[in-house]
């Protein structure tokens, strides 16, 4: 809590979270993927473009490995626990170490 001159409490300003980013990783012959994690959201960036449906099937195992490696690093760097749904009933959890 912050207090003004007269002693009235004010809510603290929102915490600014610095996004955690990773350089693009090659997955397949034609595509690279990059990730950023900020405010609890994972963003994915494709280059040169998002793969076609047919290419996605081939790239999926490499994408999952790259995503999981990124989330493990992001969890440690941000000291957060990150969970990714892998089916209707289970989650893959990446634990961040408390500093």
C-alpha atoms as a PDB file:
ATOM      1  CA  UNK A   1       0.000   0.000   0.000  1.00  0.00           C
ATOM      2  CA  UNK A   2       1.070   3.524  -0.690  1.00  0.00           C
ATOM      3  CA  UNK A   3       0.077   6.369   1.616  1.00  0.00           C
ATOM      4  CA  UNK A   4      -0.482   9.946   0.584  1.00  0.00           C
ATOM      5  CA  UNK A   5       0.526  12.988   2.648  1.00  0.00           C
ATOM      6  CA  UNK A   6      -2.651  12.856   4.768  1.00  0.00           C
ATOM      7  CA  UNK A   7      -2.180   9.153   5.565  1.00  0.00           C
ATOM      8  CA  UNK A   8      -4.883   7.806   3.245  1.00  0.00           C
ATOM      9  CA  UNK A   9      -3.982   4.536   1.590  1.00  0.00           C
ATOM     10  CA  UNK A  10      -3.860   4.137  -2.164  1.00  0.00           C
ATOM     11  CA  UNK A  11      -3.509   0.912  -4.111  1.00  0.00           C
ATOM     12  CA  UNK A  12       0.000   0.277  -5.361  1.00  0.00           C
ATOM     13  CA  UNK A  13       0.549   0.917  -9.059  1.00  0.00           C
ATOM     14  CA  UNK A  14       0.447  -2.232 -11.217  1.00  0.00           C
ATOM     15  CA  UNK A  15       3.727  -4.119 -11.294  1.00  0.00           C
ATOM     16  CA  UNK A  16       5.514  -3.834 -14.602  1.00  0.00           C
ATOM     17  CA  UNK A  17       6.617  -7.263 -15.781  1.00  0.00           C
ATOM     18  CA  UNK A  18       9.502  -7.435 -18.187  1.00  0.00           C
ATOM     19  CA  UNK A  19       8.763 -10.012 -20.861  1.00  0.00           C
ATOM     20  CA  UNK A  20      11.039 -13.001 -21.161  1.00  0.00           C
ATOM     21  CA  UNK A  21      12.027 -13.570 -24.805  1.00  0.00           C
ATOM     22  CA  UNK A  22      13.958 -16.104 -26.821  1.00  0.00           C
ATOM     23  CA  UNK A  23      15.577 -15.770 -30.213  1.00  0.00           C
ATOM     24  CA  UNK A  24      13.997 -17.690 -33.050  1.00  0.00           C
ATOM     25  CA  UNK A  25      14.723 -21.422 -33.213  1.00  0.00           C
ATOM     26  CA  UNK A  26      14.804 -23.316 -36.501  1.00  0.00           C
ATOM     27  CA  UNK A  27      12.211 -26.091 -36.647  1.00  0.00           C
ATOM     28  CA  UNK A  28      12.209 -27.718 -40.029  1.00  0.00           C
ATOM     29  CA  UNK A  29      13.843 -26.623 -43.241  1.00  0.00           C
ATOM     30  CA  UNK A  30      11.775 -23.518 -43.893  1.00  0.00           C
ATOM     31  CA  UNK A  31      10.415 -22.317 -40.558  1.00  0.00           C
ATOM     32  CA  UNK A  32      11.686 -20.740 -37.373  1.00  0.00           C
ATOM     33  CA  UNK A  33       9.710 -19.993 -34.241  1.00  0.00           C
ATOM     34  CA  UNK A  34      10.289 -17.524 -31.418  1.00  0.00           C
ATOM     35  CA  UNK A  35       8.561 -17.126 -28.081  1.00  0.00           C
ATOM     36  CA  UNK A  36       7.910 -14.458 -25.485  1.00  0.00           C
ATOM     37  CA  UNK A  37       6.291 -14.812 -22.065  1.00  0.00           C
ATOM     38  CA  UNK A  38       4.743 -11.780 -20.371  1.00  0.00           C
ATOM     39  CA  UNK A  39       1.867 -11.316 -17.910  1.00  0.00           C
ATOM     40  CA  UNK A  40       1.211 -15.062 -17.897  1.00  0.00           C
ATOM     41  CA  UNK A  41       0.749 -15.289 -21.656  1.00  0.00           C
ATOM     42  CA  UNK A  42       2.845 -17.204 -24.152  1.00  0.00           C
ATOM     43  CA  UNK A  43       3.248 -15.553 -27.536  1.00  0.00           C
ATOM     44  CA  UNK A  44       4.591 -17.413 -30.543  1.00  0.00           C
ATOM     45  CA  UNK A  45       6.223 -15.716 -33.539  1.00  0.00           C
ATOM     46  CA  UNK A  46       6.724 -17.604 -36.802  1.00  0.00           C
ATOM     47  CA  UNK A  47       9.084 -16.740 -39.604  1.00  0.00           C
ATOM     48  CA  UNK A  48       8.650 -16.434 -42.544  1.00  0.00           C
ATOM     49  CA  UNK A  49       4.956 -17.206 -41.867  1.00  0.00           C
ATOM     50  CA  UNK A  50       2.679 -19.530 -39.925  1.00  0.00           C
ATOM     51  CA  UNK A  51       3.030 -23.024 -41.443  1.00  0.00           C
ATOM     52  CA  UNK A  52       0.277 -24.589 -43.509  1.00  0.00           C
ATOM     53  CA  UNK A  53      -1.884 -27.309 -41.958  1.00  0.00           C
ATOM     54  CA  UNK A  54       0.150 -30.018 -43.679  1.00  0.00           C
ATOM     55  CA  UNK A  55       3.457 -28.534 -42.512  1.00  0.00           C
ATOM     56  CA  UNK A  56       2.120 -28.134 -38.946  1.00  0.00           C
ATOM     57  CA  UNK A  57       1.756 -31.892 -38.595  1.00  0.00           C
ATOM     58  CA  UNK A  58       5.407 -32.403 -39.517  1.00  0.00           C
ATOM     59  CA  UNK A  59       6.648 -29.527 -37.354  1.00  0.00           C
ATOM     60  CA  UNK A  60       4.594 -30.338 -34.244  1.00  0.00           C
ATOM     61  CA  UNK A  61       7.175 -32.541 -32.415  1.00  0.00           C
ATOM     62  CA  UNK A  62       9.975 -29.976 -32.972  1.00  0.00           C
ATOM     63  CA  UNK A  63       7.636 -27.120 -31.982  1.00  0.00           C
ATOM     64  CA  UNK A  64       6.676 -28.876 -28.724  1.00  0.00           C
ATOM     65  CA  UNK A  65      10.352 -29.474 -27.854  1.00  0.00           C
ATOM     66  CA  UNK A  66      11.189 -25.808 -28.544  1.00  0.00           C
ATOM     67  CA  UNK A  67       8.149 -24.565 -26.603  1.00  0.00           C
ATOM     68  CA  UNK A  68       8.891 -26.784 -23.595  1.00  0.00           C
ATOM     69  CA  UNK A  69      12.554 -25.739 -23.519  1.00  0.00           C
ATOM     70  CA  UNK A  70      11.521 -22.082 -23.655  1.00  0.00           C
ATOM     71  CA  UNK A  71       8.908 -22.459 -20.884  1.00  0.00           C
ATOM     72  CA  UNK A  72      11.382 -24.240 -18.613  1.00  0.00           C
ATOM     73  CA  UNK A  73      13.850 -21.341 -19.045  1.00  0.00           C
ATOM     74  CA  UNK A  74      11.088 -18.729 -18.630  1.00  0.00           C
ATOM     75  CA  UNK A  75       9.837 -20.355 -15.415  1.00  0.00           C
ATOM     76  CA  UNK A  76      13.324 -20.251 -13.923  1.00  0.00           C
ATOM     77  CA  UNK A  77      14.036 -16.713 -15.105  1.00  0.00           C
ATOM     78  CA  UNK A  78      10.745 -15.314 -13.783  1.00  0.00           C
ATOM     79  CA  UNK A  79      10.488 -17.558 -10.668  1.00  0.00           C
ATOM     80  CA  UNK A  80       6.981 -18.515 -11.769  1.00  0.00           C
ATOM     81  CA  UNK A  81       5.277 -21.860 -12.181  1.00  0.00           C
ATOM     82  CA  UNK A  82       4.034 -22.324 -15.746  1.00  0.00           C
ATOM     83  CA  UNK A  83       1.532 -25.001 -16.774  1.00  0.00           C
ATOM     84  CA  UNK A  84       0.584 -26.086 -20.298  1.00  0.00           C
ATOM     85  CA  UNK A  85      -2.437 -28.311 -20.987  1.00  0.00           C
ATOM     86  CA  UNK A  86      -1.365 -31.441 -22.869  1.00  0.00           C
ATOM     87  CA  UNK A  87      -4.731 -33.229 -22.791  1.00  0.00           C
ATOM     88  CA  UNK A  88      -8.189 -32.810 -21.286  1.00  0.00           C
ATOM     89  CA  UNK A  89      -6.994 -34.046 -17.907  1.00  0.00           C
ATOM     90  CA  UNK A  90      -3.323 -33.340 -17.555  1.00  0.00           C
ATOM     91  CA  UNK A  91      -0.879 -30.449 -17.473  1.00  0.00           C
ATOM     92  CA  UNK A  92       2.830 -30.178 -18.124  1.00  0.00           C
ATOM     93  CA  UNK A  93       4.228 -28.040 -15.299  1.00  0.00           C
ATOM     94  CA  UNK A  94       7.460 -26.051 -15.301  1.00  0.00           C
ATOM     95  CA  UNK A  95       8.462 -24.871 -11.814  1.00  0.00           C
ATOM     96  CA  UNK A  96      10.376 -21.680 -11.314  1.00  0.00           C
ATOM     97  CA  UNK A  97      12.886 -21.540  -8.489  1.00  0.00           C
ATOM     98  CA  UNK A  98      12.276 -18.866  -5.870  1.00  0.00           C
ATOM     99  CA  UNK A  99      15.224 -16.539  -5.505  1.00  0.00           C
END
